[in-house]
PDB file of N, CA and C in Angstrom:
ATOM      1  N   MET A   1       0.818  -1.184   0.000  1.00  0.00           N
ATOM      2  CA  MET A   1       0.000   0.000   0.000  1.00  0.00           C
ATOM      3  C   MET A   1       0.866   1.253   0.000  1.00  0.00           C
ATOM      4  N   GLU A   2       2.037   1.133   0.644  1.00  0.00           N
ATOM      5  CA  GLU A   2       2.936   2.286   0.706  1.00  0.00           C
ATOM      6  C   GLU A   2       3.361   2.731  -0.683  1.00  0.00           C
ATOM      7  N   TYR A   3       3.490   1.750  -1.579  1.00  0.00           N
ATOM      8  CA  TYR A   3       3.936   2.048  -2.942  1.00  0.00           C
ATOM      9  C   TYR A   3       2.893   2.904  -3.669  1.00  0.00           C
ATOM     10  N   VAL A   4       1.635   2.561  -3.480  1.00  0.00           N
ATOM     11  CA  VAL A   4       0.555   3.325  -4.109  1.00  0.00           C
ATOM     12  C   VAL A   4       0.500   4.730  -3.514  1.00  0.00           C
ATOM     13  N   TYR A   5       0.656   4.822  -2.196  1.00  0.00           N
ATOM     14  CA  TYR A   5       0.660   6.137  -1.556  1.00  0.00           C
ATOM     15  C   TYR A   5       1.808   6.992  -2.083  1.00  0.00           C
ATOM     16  N   ALA A   6       2.970   6.383  -2.256  1.00  0.00           N
ATOM     17  CA  ALA A   6       4.124   7.122  -2.778  1.00  0.00           C
ATOM     18  C   ALA A   6       3.828   7.632  -4.188  1.00  0.00           C
ATOM     19  N   ALA A   7       3.175   6.798  -5.001  1.00  0.00           N
ATOM     20  CA  ALA A   7       2.815   7.225  -6.353  1.00  0.00           C
ATOM     21  C   ALA A   7       1.817   8.378  -6.305  1.00  0.00           C
ATOM     22  N   LEU A   8       0.883   8.325  -5.360  1.00  0.00           N
ATOM     23  CA  LEU A   8      -0.090   9.413  -5.221  1.00  0.00           C
ATOM     24  C   LEU A   8       0.581  10.704  -4.766  1.00  0.00           C
ATOM     25  N   ILE A   9       1.557  10.583  -3.891  1.00  0.00           N
ATOM     26  CA  ILE A   9       2.301  11.771  -3.464  1.00  0.00           C
ATOM     27  C   ILE A   9       3.013  12.389  -4.662  1.00  0.00           C
ATOM     28  N   LEU A  10       3.660  11.560  -5.459  1.00  0.00           N
ATOM     29  CA  LEU A  10       4.353  12.067  -6.653  1.00  0.00           C
ATOM     30  C   LEU A  10       3.367  12.752  -7.598  1.00  0.00           C
ATOM     31  N   HIS A  11       2.218  12.133  -7.791  1.00  0.00           N
ATOM     32  CA  HIS A  11       1.203  12.717  -8.671  1.00  0.00           C
ATOM     33  C   HIS A  11       0.734  14.066  -8.128  1.00  0.00           C
ATOM     34  N   GLU A  12       0.478  14.112  -6.828  1.00  0.00           N
ATOM     35  CA  GLU A  12      -0.046  15.318  -6.193  1.00  0.00           C
ATOM     36  C   GLU A  12       0.946  16.476  -6.255  1.00  0.00           C
ATOM     37  N   THR A  13       2.237  16.163  -6.212  1.00  0.00           N
ATOM     38  CA  THR A  13       3.263  17.210  -6.261  1.00  0.00           C
ATOM     39  C   THR A  13       3.691  17.541  -7.684  1.00  0.00           C
ATOM     40  N   GLY A  14       3.111  16.852  -8.653  1.00  0.00           N
ATOM     41  CA  GLY A  14       3.419  17.131 -10.045  1.00  0.00           C
ATOM     42  C   GLY A  14       4.700  16.485 -10.540  1.00  0.00           C
ATOM     43  N   GLU A  15       5.255  15.579  -9.761  1.00  0.00           N
ATOM     44  CA  GLU A  15       6.475  14.879 -10.163  1.00  0.00           C
ATOM     45  C   GLU A  15       6.116  13.681 -11.039  1.00  0.00           C
ATOM     46  N   GLU A  16       7.067  13.285 -11.871  1.00  0.00           N
ATOM     47  CA  GLU A  16       6.870  12.124 -12.733  1.00  0.00           C
ATOM     48  C   GLU A  16       6.908  10.857 -11.875  1.00  0.00           C
ATOM     49  N   ILE A  17       5.998   9.925 -12.164  1.00  0.00           N
ATOM     50  CA  ILE A  17       5.988   8.656 -11.438  1.00  0.00           C
ATOM     51  C   ILE A  17       6.918   7.702 -12.189  1.00  0.00           C
ATOM     52  N   ASN A  18       8.156   7.633 -11.697  1.00  0.00           N
ATOM     53  CA  ASN A  18       9.132   6.717 -12.279  1.00  0.00           C
ATOM     54  C   ASN A  18       9.842   5.989 -11.144  1.00  0.00           C
ATOM     55  N   GLU A  19      10.692   5.034 -11.498  1.00  0.00           N
ATOM     56  CA  GLU A  19      11.330   4.199 -10.491  1.00  0.00           C
ATOM     57  C   GLU A  19      12.181   5.005  -9.512  1.00  0.00           C
ATOM     58  N   ASP A  20      12.969   5.950 -10.028  1.00  0.00           N
ATOM     59  CA  ASP A  20      13.842   6.735  -9.155  1.00  0.00           C
ATOM     60  C   ASP A  20      13.036   7.573  -8.166  1.00  0.00           C
ATOM     61  N   ASN A  21      12.035   8.285  -8.662  1.00  0.00           N
ATOM     62  CA  ASN A  21      11.233   9.135  -7.782  1.00  0.00           C
ATOM     63  C   ASN A  21      10.463   8.308  -6.759  1.00  0.00           C
ATOM     64  N   LEU A  22       9.899   7.200  -7.209  1.00  0.00           N
ATOM     65  CA  LEU A  22       9.141   6.341  -6.307  1.00  0.00           C
ATOM     66  C   LEU A  22      10.056   5.771  -5.220  1.00  0.00           C
ATOM     67  N   THR A  23      11.239   5.345  -5.617  1.00  0.00           N
ATOM     68  CA  THR A  23      12.209   4.815  -4.658  1.00  0.00           C
ATOM     69  C   THR A  23      12.616   5.887  -3.649  1.00  0.00           C
ATOM     70  N   ASP A  24      12.817   7.118  -4.120  1.00  0.00           N
ATOM     71  CA  ASP A  24      13.195   8.213  -3.222  1.00  0.00           C
ATOM     72  C   ASP A  24      12.111   8.475  -2.170  1.00  0.00           C
ATOM     73  N   VAL A  25      10.860   8.500  -2.595  1.00  0.00           N
ATOM     74  CA  VAL A  25       9.753   8.744  -1.654  1.00  0.00           C
ATOM     75  C   VAL A  25       9.660   7.611  -0.639  1.00  0.00           C
ATOM     76  N   LEU A  26       9.746   6.372  -1.113  1.00  0.00           N
ATOM     77  CA  LEU A  26       9.661   5.226  -0.213  1.00  0.00           C
ATOM     78  C   LEU A  26      10.833   5.209   0.767  1.00  0.00           C
ATOM     79  N   ASP A  27      12.015   5.541   0.274  1.00  0.00           N
ATOM     80  CA  ASP A  27      13.196   5.587   1.128  1.00  0.00           C
ATOM     81  C   ASP A  27      13.036   6.661   2.206  1.00  0.00           C
ATOM     82  N   ALA A  28      12.523   7.816   1.817  1.00  0.00           N
ATOM     83  CA  ALA A  28      12.307   8.906   2.777  1.00  0.00           C
ATOM     84  C   ALA A  28      11.285   8.511   3.848  1.00  0.00           C
ATOM     85  N   ALA A  29      10.353   7.637   3.476  1.00  0.00           N
ATOM     86  CA  ALA A  29       9.338   7.193   4.429  1.00  0.00           C
ATOM     87  C   ALA A  29       9.828   6.033   5.291  1.00  0.00           C
ATOM     88  N   GLY A  30      11.027   5.529   4.993  1.00  0.00           N
ATOM     89  CA  GLY A  30      11.576   4.433   5.789  1.00  0.00           C
ATOM     90  C   GLY A  30      11.043   3.065   5.420  1.00  0.00           C
ATOM     91  N   VAL A  31      10.556   2.922   4.201  1.00  0.00           N
ATOM     92  CA  VAL A  31       9.996   1.651   3.741  1.00  0.00           C
ATOM     93  C   VAL A  31      11.119   0.760   3.222  1.00  0.00           C
ATOM     94  N   ASP A  32      11.069  -0.539   3.549  1.00  0.00           N
ATOM     95  CA  ASP A  32      11.989  -1.502   2.949  1.00  0.00           C
ATOM     96  C   ASP A  32      11.559  -1.688   1.504  1.00  0.00           C
ATOM     97  N   ILE A  33      12.397  -1.270   0.583  1.00  0.00           N
ATOM     98  CA  ILE A  33      12.017  -1.197  -0.827  1.00  0.00           C
ATOM     99  C   ILE A  33      12.324  -2.504  -1.548  1.00  0.00           C
ATOM    100  N   GLU A  34      11.326  -2.985  -2.281  1.00  0.00           N
ATOM    101  CA  GLU A  34      11.490  -4.138  -3.153  1.00  0.00           C
ATOM    102  C   GLU A  34      11.458  -3.615  -4.585  1.00  0.00           C
ATOM    103  N   GLU A  35      12.593  -3.719  -5.271  1.00  0.00           N
ATOM    104  CA  GLU A  35      12.711  -3.173  -6.618  1.00  0.00           C
ATOM    105  C   GLU A  35      11.664  -3.749  -7.572  1.00  0.00           C
ATOM    106  N   SER A  36      11.341  -5.025  -7.405  1.00  0.00           N
ATOM    107  CA  SER A  36      10.361  -5.651  -8.302  1.00  0.00           C
ATOM    108  C   SER A  36       8.985  -5.002  -8.153  1.00  0.00           C
ATOM    109  N   ARG A  37       8.626  -4.635  -6.924  1.00  0.00           N
ATOM    110  CA  ARG A  37       7.335  -3.981  -6.701  1.00  0.00           C
ATOM    111  C   ARG A  37       7.332  -2.572  -7.277  1.00  0.00           C
ATOM    112  N   VAL A  38       8.476  -1.882  -7.156  1.00  0.00           N
ATOM    113  CA  VAL A  38       8.591  -0.536  -7.712  1.00  0.00           C
ATOM    114  C   VAL A  38       8.412  -0.611  -9.230  1.00  0.00           C
ATOM    115  N   LYS A  39       9.128  -1.539  -9.868  1.00  0.00           N
ATOM    116  CA  LYS A  39       9.046  -1.682 -11.322  1.00  0.00           C
ATOM    117  C   LYS A  39       7.635  -2.065 -11.758  1.00  0.00           C
ATOM    118  N   ALA A  40       7.007  -2.969 -11.019  1.00  0.00           N
ATOM    119  CA  ALA A  40       5.656  -3.407 -11.364  1.00  0.00           C
ATOM    120  C   ALA A  40       4.656  -2.262 -11.273  1.00  0.00           C
ATOM    121  N   LEU A  41       4.774  -1.447 -10.227  1.00  0.00           N
ATOM    122  CA  LEU A  41       3.850  -0.327 -10.068  1.00  0.00           C
ATOM    123  C   LEU A  41       4.047   0.709 -11.162  1.00  0.00           C
ATOM    124  N   VAL A  42       5.291   1.039 -11.453  1.00  0.00           N
ATOM    125  CA  VAL A  42       5.564   2.018 -12.503  1.00  0.00           C
ATOM    126  C   VAL A  42       5.023   1.512 -13.839  1.00  0.00           C
ATOM    127  N   ALA A  43       5.231   0.236 -14.121  1.00  0.00           N
ATOM    128  CA  ALA A  43       4.722  -0.338 -15.375  1.00  0.00           C
ATOM    129  C   ALA A  43       3.197  -0.337 -15.401  1.00  0.00           C
ATOM    130  N   ALA A  44       2.572  -0.633 -14.262  1.00  0.00           N
ATOM    131  CA  ALA A  44       1.107  -0.678 -14.203  1.00  0.00           C
ATOM    132  C   ALA A  44       0.494   0.711 -14.382  1.00  0.00           C
ATOM    133  N   LEU A  45       1.204   1.737 -13.915  1.00  0.00           N
ATOM    134  CA  LEU A  45       0.670   3.100 -13.999  1.00  0.00           C
ATOM    135  C   LEU A  45       1.067   3.821 -15.287  1.00  0.00           C
ATOM    136  N   GLU A  46       1.819   3.151 -16.129  1.00  0.00           N
ATOM    137  CA  GLU A  46       2.349   3.781 -17.340  1.00  0.00           C
ATOM    138  C   GLU A  46       1.264   4.400 -18.220  1.00  0.00           C
ATOM    139  N   ASP A  47       0.181   3.690 -18.455  1.00  0.00           N
ATOM    140  CA  ASP A  47      -0.880   4.174 -19.339  1.00  0.00           C
ATOM    141  C   ASP A  47      -2.136   4.583 -18.578  1.00  0.00           C
ATOM    142  N   VAL A  48      -1.994   4.862 -17.276  1.00  0.00           N
ATOM    143  CA  VAL A  48      -3.144   5.196 -16.450  1.00  0.00           C
ATOM    144  C   VAL A  48      -3.189   6.704 -16.217  1.00  0.00           C
ATOM    145  N   ASP A  49      -4.374   7.282 -16.386  1.00  0.00           N
ATOM    146  CA  ASP A  49      -4.597   8.679 -16.025  1.00  0.00           C
ATOM    147  C   ASP A  49      -4.942   8.680 -14.539  1.00  0.00           C
ATOM    148  N   VAL A  50      -3.961   9.014 -13.712  1.00  0.00           N
ATOM    149  CA  VAL A  50      -4.118   8.918 -12.263  1.00  0.00           C
ATOM    150  C   VAL A  50      -5.262   9.791 -11.776  1.00  0.00           C
ATOM    151  N   GLU A  51      -5.382  10.992 -12.308  1.00  0.00           N
ATOM    152  CA  GLU A  51      -6.455  11.900 -11.894  1.00  0.00           C
ATOM    153  C   GLU A  51      -7.825  11.282 -12.170  1.00  0.00           C
ATOM    154  N   ASP A  52      -7.983  10.678 -13.333  1.00  0.00           N
ATOM    155  CA  ASP A  52      -9.235  10.013 -13.693  1.00  0.00           C
ATOM    156  C   ASP A  52      -9.500   8.827 -12.756  1.00  0.00           C
ATOM    157  N   ALA A  53      -8.460   8.079 -12.446  1.00  0.00           N
ATOM    158  CA  ALA A  53      -8.611   6.935 -11.545  1.00  0.00           C
ATOM    159  C   ALA A  53      -9.040   7.386 -10.154  1.00  0.00           C
ATOM    160  N   ILE A  54      -8.488   8.508  -9.689  1.00  0.00           N
ATOM    161  CA  ILE A  54      -8.862   9.037  -8.379  1.00  0.00           C
ATOM    162  C   ILE A  54     -10.324   9.468  -8.381  1.00  0.00           C
ATOM    163  N   GLU A  55     -10.748  10.161  -9.430  1.00  0.00           N
ATOM    164  CA  GLU A  55     -12.144  10.599  -9.526  1.00  0.00           C
ATOM    165  C   GLU A  55     -13.094   9.410  -9.593  1.00  0.00           C
ATOM    166  N   THR A  56     -12.722   8.398 -10.343  1.00  0.00           N
ATOM    167  CA  THR A  56     -13.560   7.199 -10.471  1.00  0.00           C
ATOM    168  C   THR A  56     -13.670   6.493  -9.129  1.00  0.00           C
ATOM    169  N   ALA A  57     -12.558   6.382  -8.412  1.00  0.00           N
ATOM    170  CA  ALA A  57     -12.566   5.715  -7.112  1.00  0.00           C
ATOM    171  C   ALA A  57     -13.405   6.494  -6.106  1.00  0.00           C
ATOM    172  N   ALA A  58     -13.338   7.812  -6.166  1.00  0.00           N
ATOM    173  CA  ALA A  58     -14.111   8.641  -5.245  1.00  0.00           C
ATOM    174  C   ALA A  58     -15.601   8.571  -5.557  1.00  0.00           C
ATOM    175  N   ALA A  59     -15.954   8.270  -6.795  1.00  0.00           N
ATOM    176  CA  ALA A  59     -17.351   8.228  -7.202  1.00  0.00           C
ATOM    177  C   ALA A  59     -18.033   6.912  -6.839  1.00  0.00           C
ATOM    178  N   VAL A  60     -17.272   5.902  -6.462  1.00  0.00           N
ATOM    179  CA  VAL A  60     -17.852   4.599  -6.127  1.00  0.00           C
ATOM    180  C   VAL A  60     -18.510   4.695  -4.761  1.00  0.00           C
ATOM    181  N   PRO A  61     -19.808   4.358  -4.672  1.00  0.00           N
ATOM    182  CA  PRO A  61     -20.492   4.416  -3.378  1.00  0.00           C
ATOM    183  C   PRO A  61     -19.946   3.355  -2.429  1.00  0.00           C
ATOM    184  N   ALA A  62     -20.216   3.533  -1.155  1.00  0.00           N
ATOM    185  CA  ALA A  62     -19.703   2.613  -0.135  1.00  0.00           C
ATOM    186  C   ALA A  62     -20.119   1.175  -0.426  1.00  0.00           C
ATOM    187  N   GLY A  63     -21.313   0.972  -0.957  1.00  0.00           N
ATOM    188  CA  GLY A  63     -21.765  -0.381  -1.310  1.00  0.00           C
ATOM    189  C   GLY A  63     -20.961  -0.959  -2.447  1.00  0.00           C
ATOM    190  N   GLY A  64     -20.386  -0.101  -3.284  1.00  0.00           N
ATOM    191  CA  GLY A  64     -19.578  -0.567  -4.401  1.00  0.00           C
ATOM    192  C   GLY A  64     -18.356  -1.310  -3.938  1.00  0.00           C
ATOM    193  N   ALA A  65     -17.760  -0.858  -2.841  1.00  0.00           N
ATOM    194  CA  ALA A  65     -16.591  -1.548  -2.301  1.00  0.00           C
ATOM    195  C   ALA A  65     -16.998  -2.929  -1.821  1.00  0.00           C
ATOM    196  N   GLY A  66     -18.190  -3.027  -1.234  1.00  0.00           N
ATOM    197  CA  GLY A  66     -18.682  -4.331  -0.795  1.00  0.00           C
ATOM    198  C   GLY A  66     -18.923  -5.243  -1.974  1.00  0.00           C
ATOM    199  N   ASP A  67     -19.447  -4.665  -3.052  1.00  0.00           N
ATOM    200  CA  ASP A  67     -19.669  -5.456  -4.248  1.00  0.00           C
ATOM    201  C   ASP A  67     -18.352  -5.967  -4.806  1.00  0.00           C
ATOM    202  N   ALA A  68     -17.321  -5.126  -4.764  1.00  0.00           N
ATOM    203  CA  ALA A  68     -16.005  -5.548  -5.239  1.00  0.00           C
ATOM    204  C   ALA A  68     -15.475  -6.667  -4.359  1.00  0.00           C
ATOM    205  N   GLY A  69     -15.688  -6.541  -3.057  1.00  0.00           N
ATOM    206  CA  GLY A  69     -15.256  -7.591  -2.143  1.00  0.00           C
ATOM    207  C   GLY A  69     -16.013  -8.885  -2.389  1.00  0.00           C
ATOM    208  N   ALA A  70     -17.305  -8.755  -2.671  1.00  0.00           N
ATOM    209  CA  ALA A  70     -18.099  -9.937  -2.972  1.00  0.00           C
ATOM    210  C   ALA A  70     -17.634 -10.587  -4.263  1.00  0.00           C
ATOM    211  N   ALA A  71     -17.302  -9.758  -5.254  1.00  0.00           N
ATOM    212  CA  ALA A  71     -16.810 -10.297  -6.518  1.00  0.00           C
ATOM    213  C   ALA A  71     -15.481 -11.000  -6.320  1.00  0.00           C
ATOM    214  N   ALA A  72     -14.607 -10.415  -5.494  1.00  0.00           N
ATOM    215  CA  ALA A  72     -13.323 -11.049  -5.214  1.00  0.00           C
ATOM    216  C   ALA A  72     -13.540 -12.365  -4.473  1.00  0.00           C
ATOM    217  N   GLY A  73     -14.482 -12.368  -3.533  1.00  0.00           N
ATOM    218  CA  GLY A  73     -14.796 -13.596  -2.804  1.00  0.00           C
ATOM    219  C   GLY A  73     -15.352 -14.663  -3.721  1.00  0.00           C
ATOM    220  N   ALA A  74     -16.200 -14.256  -4.675  1.00  0.00           N
ATOM    221  CA  ALA A  74     -16.758 -15.206  -5.628  1.00  0.00           C
ATOM    222  C   ALA A  74     -15.666 -15.779  -6.524  1.00  0.00           C
ATOM    223  N   ALA A  75     -14.735 -14.928  -6.948  1.00  0.00           N
ATOM    224  CA  ALA A  75     -13.629 -15.407  -7.784  1.00  0.00           C
ATOM    225  C   ALA A  75     -12.766 -16.395  -7.010  1.00  0.00           C
ATOM    226  N   GLU A  76     -12.529 -16.097  -5.733  1.00  0.00           N
ATOM    227  CA  GLU A  76     -11.733 -16.999  -4.905  1.00  0.00           C
ATOM    228  C   GLU A  76     -12.460 -18.332  -4.718  1.00  0.00           C
ATOM    229  N   ALA A  77     -13.761 -18.267  -4.474  1.00  0.00           N
ATOM    230  CA  ALA A  77     -14.546 -19.485  -4.304  1.00  0.00           C
ATOM    231  C   ALA A  77     -14.530 -20.320  -5.579  1.00  0.00           C
ATOM    232  N   GLU A  78     -14.614 -19.654  -6.734  1.00  0.00           N
ATOM    233  CA  GLU A  78     -14.578 -20.366  -8.010  1.00  0.00           C
ATOM    234  C   GLU A  78     -13.235 -21.050  -8.204  1.00  0.00           C
ATOM    235  N   ALA A  79     -12.157 -20.373  -7.850  1.00  0.00           N
ATOM    236  CA  ALA A  79     -10.824 -20.961  -7.977  1.00  0.00           C
ATOM    237  C   ALA A  79     -10.687 -22.179  -7.062  1.00  0.00           C
ATOM    238  N   GLU A  80     -11.226 -22.073  -5.837  1.00  0.00           N
ATOM    239  CA  GLU A  80     -11.183 -23.202  -4.910  1.00  0.00           C
ATOM    240  C   GLU A  80     -11.994 -24.369  -5.450  1.00  0.00           C
ATOM    241  N   GLU A  81     -13.147 -24.061  -6.038  1.00  0.00           N
ATOM    242  CA  GLU A  81     -13.997 -25.104  -6.595  1.00  0.00           C
ATOM    243  C   GLU A  81     -13.292 -25.831  -7.736  1.00  0.00           C
ATOM    244  N   GLU A  82     -12.613 -25.067  -8.597  1.00  0.00           N
ATOM    245  CA  GLU A  82     -11.871 -25.676  -9.702  1.00  0.00           C
ATOM    246  C   GLU A  82     -10.754 -26.560  -9.167  1.00  0.00           C
ATOM    247  N   ALA A  83     -10.079 -26.120  -8.117  1.00  0.00           N
ATOM    248  CA  ALA A  83      -9.009 -26.911  -7.519  1.00  0.00           C
ATOM    249  C   ALA A  83      -9.560 -28.206  -6.934  1.00  0.00           C
ATOM    250  N   GLU A  84     -10.735 -28.120  -6.287  1.00  0.00           N
ATOM    251  CA  GLU A  84     -11.367 -29.312  -5.733  1.00  0.00           C
ATOM    252  C   GLU A  84     -11.758 -30.286  -6.832  1.00  0.00           C
ATOM    253  N   GLU A  85     -12.297 -29.762  -7.943  1.00  0.00           N
ATOM    254  CA  GLU A  85     -12.677 -30.624  -9.063  1.00  0.00           C
ATOM    255  C   GLU A  85     -11.459 -31.336  -9.643  1.00  0.00           C
ATOM    256  N   GLU A  86     -10.351 -30.605  -9.781  1.00  0.00           N
ATOM    257  CA  GLU A  86      -9.128 -31.223 -10.289  1.00  0.00           C
ATOM    258  C   GLU A  86      -8.640 -32.314  -9.342  1.00  0.00           C
ATOM    259  N   ALA A  87      -8.729 -32.050  -8.035  1.00  0.00           N
ATOM    260  CA  ALA A  87      -8.303 -33.043  -7.046  1.00  0.00           C
ATOM    261  C   ALA A  87      -9.184 -34.287  -7.124  1.00  0.00           C
ATOM    262  N   GLU A  88     -10.497 -34.080  -7.312  1.00  0.00           N
ATOM    263  CA  GLU A  88     -11.413 -35.211  -7.441  1.00  0.00           C
ATOM    264  C   GLU A  88     -11.101 -36.026  -8.685  1.00  0.00           C
ATOM    265  N   GLU A  89     -10.826 -35.343  -9.803  1.00  0.00           N
ATOM    266  CA  GLU A  89     -10.498 -36.042 -11.042  1.00  0.00           C
ATOM    267  C   GLU A  89      -9.218 -36.854 -10.877  1.00  0.00           C
ATOM    268  N   GLU A  90      -8.222 -36.274 -10.203  1.00  0.00           N
ATOM    269  CA  GLU A  90      -6.975 -37.000  -9.963  1.00  0.00           C
ATOM    270  C   GLU A  90      -7.223 -38.214  -9.075  1.00  0.00           C
ATOM    271  N   ALA A  91      -8.054 -38.044  -8.053  1.00  0.00           N
ATOM    272  CA  ALA A  91      -8.359 -39.156  -7.152  1.00  0.00           C
ATOM    273  C   ALA A  91      -9.084 -40.271  -7.902  1.00  0.00           C
ATOM    274  N   GLU A  92     -10.011 -39.894  -8.783  1.00  0.00           N
ATOM    275  CA  GLU A  92     -10.723 -40.898  -9.579  1.00  0.00           C
ATOM    276  C   GLU A  92      -9.776 -41.639 -10.503  1.00  0.00           C
ATOM    277  N   ALA A  93      -8.858 -40.909 -11.124  1.00  0.00           N
ATOM    278  CA  ALA A  93      -7.892 -41.542 -12.027  1.00  0.00           C
ATOM    279  C   ALA A  93      -7.002 -42.510 -11.255  1.00  0.00           C
ATOM    280  N   GLU A  94      -6.568 -42.116 -10.055  1.00  0.00           N
ATOM    281  CA  GLU A  94      -5.747 -43.003  -9.236  1.00  0.00           C
ATOM    282  C   GLU A  94      -6.538 -44.232  -8.813  1.00  0.00           C
ATOM    283  N   ALA A  95      -7.805 -44.041  -8.480  1.00  0.00           N
ATOM    284  CA  ALA A  95      -8.643 -45.169  -8.077  1.00  0.00           C
ATOM    285  C   ALA A  95      -8.827 -46.144  -9.231  1.00  0.00           C
ATOM    286  N   GLU A  96      -9.011 -45.612 -10.443  1.00  0.00           N
ATOM    287  CA  GLU A  96      -9.150 -46.479 -11.614  1.00  0.00           C
ATOM    288  C   GLU A  96      -7.875 -47.270 -11.856  1.00  0.00           C
ATOM    289  N   GLU A  97      -6.725 -46.619 -11.705  1.00  0.00           N
ATOM    290  CA  GLU A  97      -5.449 -47.309 -11.874  1.00  0.00           C
ATOM    291  C   GLU A  97      -5.294 -48.402 -10.825  1.00  0.00           C
ATOM    292  N   ALA A  98      -5.686 -48.114  -9.594  1.00  0.00           N
ATOM    293  CA  ALA A  98      -5.592 -49.100  -8.523  1.00  0.00           C
ATOM    294  C   ALA A  98      -6.516 -50.275  -8.806  1.00  0.00           C
ATOM    295  N   ASP A  99      -7.721 -50.005  -9.309  1.00  0.00           N
ATOM    296  CA  ASP A  99      -8.657 -51.069  -9.651  1.00  0.00           C
ATOM    297  C   ASP A  99      -8.089 -51.957 -10.759  1.00  0.00           C
ATOM    298  N   GLU A 100      -7.477 -51.341 -11.754  1.00  0.00           N
ATOM    299  CA  GLU A 100      -6.886 -52.104 -12.848  1.00  0.00           C
ATOM    300  C   GLU A 100      -5.764 -52.989 -12.339  1.00  0.00           C
ATOM    301  N   GLU A 101      -4.942 -52.465 -11.426  1.00  0.00           N
ATOM    302  CA  GLU A 101      -3.850 -53.249 -10.867  1.00  0.00           C
ATOM    303  C   GLU A 101      -4.386 -54.393 -10.029  1.00  0.00           C
ATOM    304  N   GLU A 102      -5.439 -54.155  -9.247  1.00  0.00           N
ATOM    305  CA  GLU A 102      -6.047 -55.214  -8.447  1.00  0.00           C
ATOM    306  C   GLU A 102      -6.644 -56.271  -9.353  1.00  0.00           C
ATOM    307  N   GLY A 103      -7.256 -55.837 -10.440  1.00  0.00           N
ATOM    308  CA  GLY A 103      -7.834 -56.788 -11.388  1.00  0.00           C
ATOM    309  C   GLY A 103      -6.766 -57.695 -11.957  1.00  0.00           C
ATOM    310  N   ASP A 104      -5.603 -57.160 -12.247  1.00  0.00           N
ATOM    311  CA  ASP A 104      -4.503 -57.961 -12.759  1.00  0.00           C
ATOM    312  C   ASP A 104      -4.049 -58.971 -11.719  1.00  0.00           C
ATOM    313  N   ASP A 105      -3.987 -58.568 -10.462  1.00  0.00           N
ATOM    314  CA  ASP A 105      -3.560 -59.467  -9.399  1.00  0.00           C
ATOM    315  C   ASP A 105      -4.566 -60.588  -9.213  1.00  0.00           C
ATOM    316  N   GLU A 106      -5.844 -60.274  -9.274  1.00  0.00           N
ATOM    317  CA  GLU A 106      -6.877 -61.281  -9.083  1.00  0.00           C
ATOM    318  C   GLU A 106      -6.845 -62.297 -10.205  1.00  0.00           C
ATOM    319  N   GLU A 107      -6.672 -61.840 -11.434  1.00  0.00           N
ATOM    320  CA  GLU A 107      -6.643 -62.746 -12.567  1.00  0.00           C
ATOM    321  C   GLU A 107      -5.454 -63.694 -12.469  1.00  0.00           C
ATOM    322  N   GLY A 108      -4.308 -63.224 -12.046  1.00  0.00           N
ATOM    323  CA  GLY A 108      -3.115 -64.040 -11.938  1.00  0.00           C
ATOM    324  C   GLY A 108      -3.188 -64.999 -10.766  1.00  0.00           C
ATOM    325  N   GLY A 109      -3.977 -64.708  -9.751  1.00  0.00           N
ATOM    326  CA  GLY A 109      -4.025 -65.519  -8.544  1.00  0.00           C
ATOM    327  C   GLY A 109      -5.138 -66.546  -8.533  1.00  0.00           C
ATOM    328  N   GLU A 110      -5.970 -66.630  -9.548  1.00  0.00           N
ATOM    329  CA  GLU A 110      -7.097 -67.561  -9.554  1.00  0.00           C
ATOM    330  C   GLU A 110      -6.622 -69.012  -9.499  1.00  0.00           C
ATOM    331  N   GLY A 111      -5.610 -69.300 -10.242  1.00  0.00           N
ATOM    332  CA  GLY A 111      -5.103 -70.679 -10.279  1.00  0.00           C
ATOM    333  C   GLY A 111      -4.477 -71.115  -8.983  1.00  0.00           C
ATOM    334  N   LEU A 112      -3.918 -70.187  -8.220  1.00  0.00           N
ATOM    335  CA  LEU A 112      -3.273 -70.522  -6.952  1.00  0.00           C
ATOM    336  C   LEU A 112      -4.279 -71.039  -5.929  1.00  0.00           C
ATOM    337  N   GLY A 113      -5.481 -70.468  -5.940  1.00  0.00           N
ATOM    338  CA  GLY A 113      -6.511 -70.904  -5.001  1.00  0.00           C
ATOM    339  C   GLY A 113      -6.864 -72.368  -5.218  1.00  0.00           C
ATOM    340  N   GLU A 114      -6.850 -72.807  -6.449  1.00  0.00           N
ATOM    341  CA  GLU A 114      -7.165 -74.201  -6.737  1.00  0.00           C
ATOM    342  C   GLU A 114      -6.049 -75.119  -6.265  1.00  0.00           C
ATOM    343  N   LEU A 115      -4.822 -74.666  -6.279  1.00  0.00           N
ATOM    344  CA  LEU A 115      -3.716 -75.493  -5.831  1.00  0.00           C
ATOM    345  C   LEU A 115      -3.792 -75.788  -4.336  1.00  0.00           C
ATOM    346  N   PHE A 116      -4.237 -74.791  -3.546  1.00  0.00           N
ATOM    347  CA  PHE A 116      -4.226 -74.947  -2.105  1.00  0.00           C
ATOM    348  C   PHE A 116      -5.621 -75.271  -1.552  1.00  0.00           C
ATOM    349  N   GLY A 117      -6.612 -75.339  -2.373  1.00  0.00           N
ATOM    350  CA  GLY A 117      -7.981 -75.477  -1.912  1.00  0.00           C
ATOM    351  C   GLY A 117      -8.440 -76.826  -1.785  1.00  0.00           C
TER     352      GLY A 117
END
């Protein structure tokens, strides 16, 4: 979150949002800087009109944030469901393989029962 705040400070002061400026602001704030996060943020903001984004964010009603949270929760639930389905498919495939192996053992052992029976 500090990275976004630093970018907003740069925007508010009219400075260019680039890696050097962002790093300077974060360093001044005492943040442990991760270069990959700095680069990612600068790249993400490259084609963004920050002023427009701020106005759009301010225009979202309080319920809108809840809707976004609900959408994120739904996406997470969907991802979990897909993971569960994949796990079930893998378990079924393993069970089928085990059944095939047991079938082979049973077929090979039929004659042995007659020897000892």
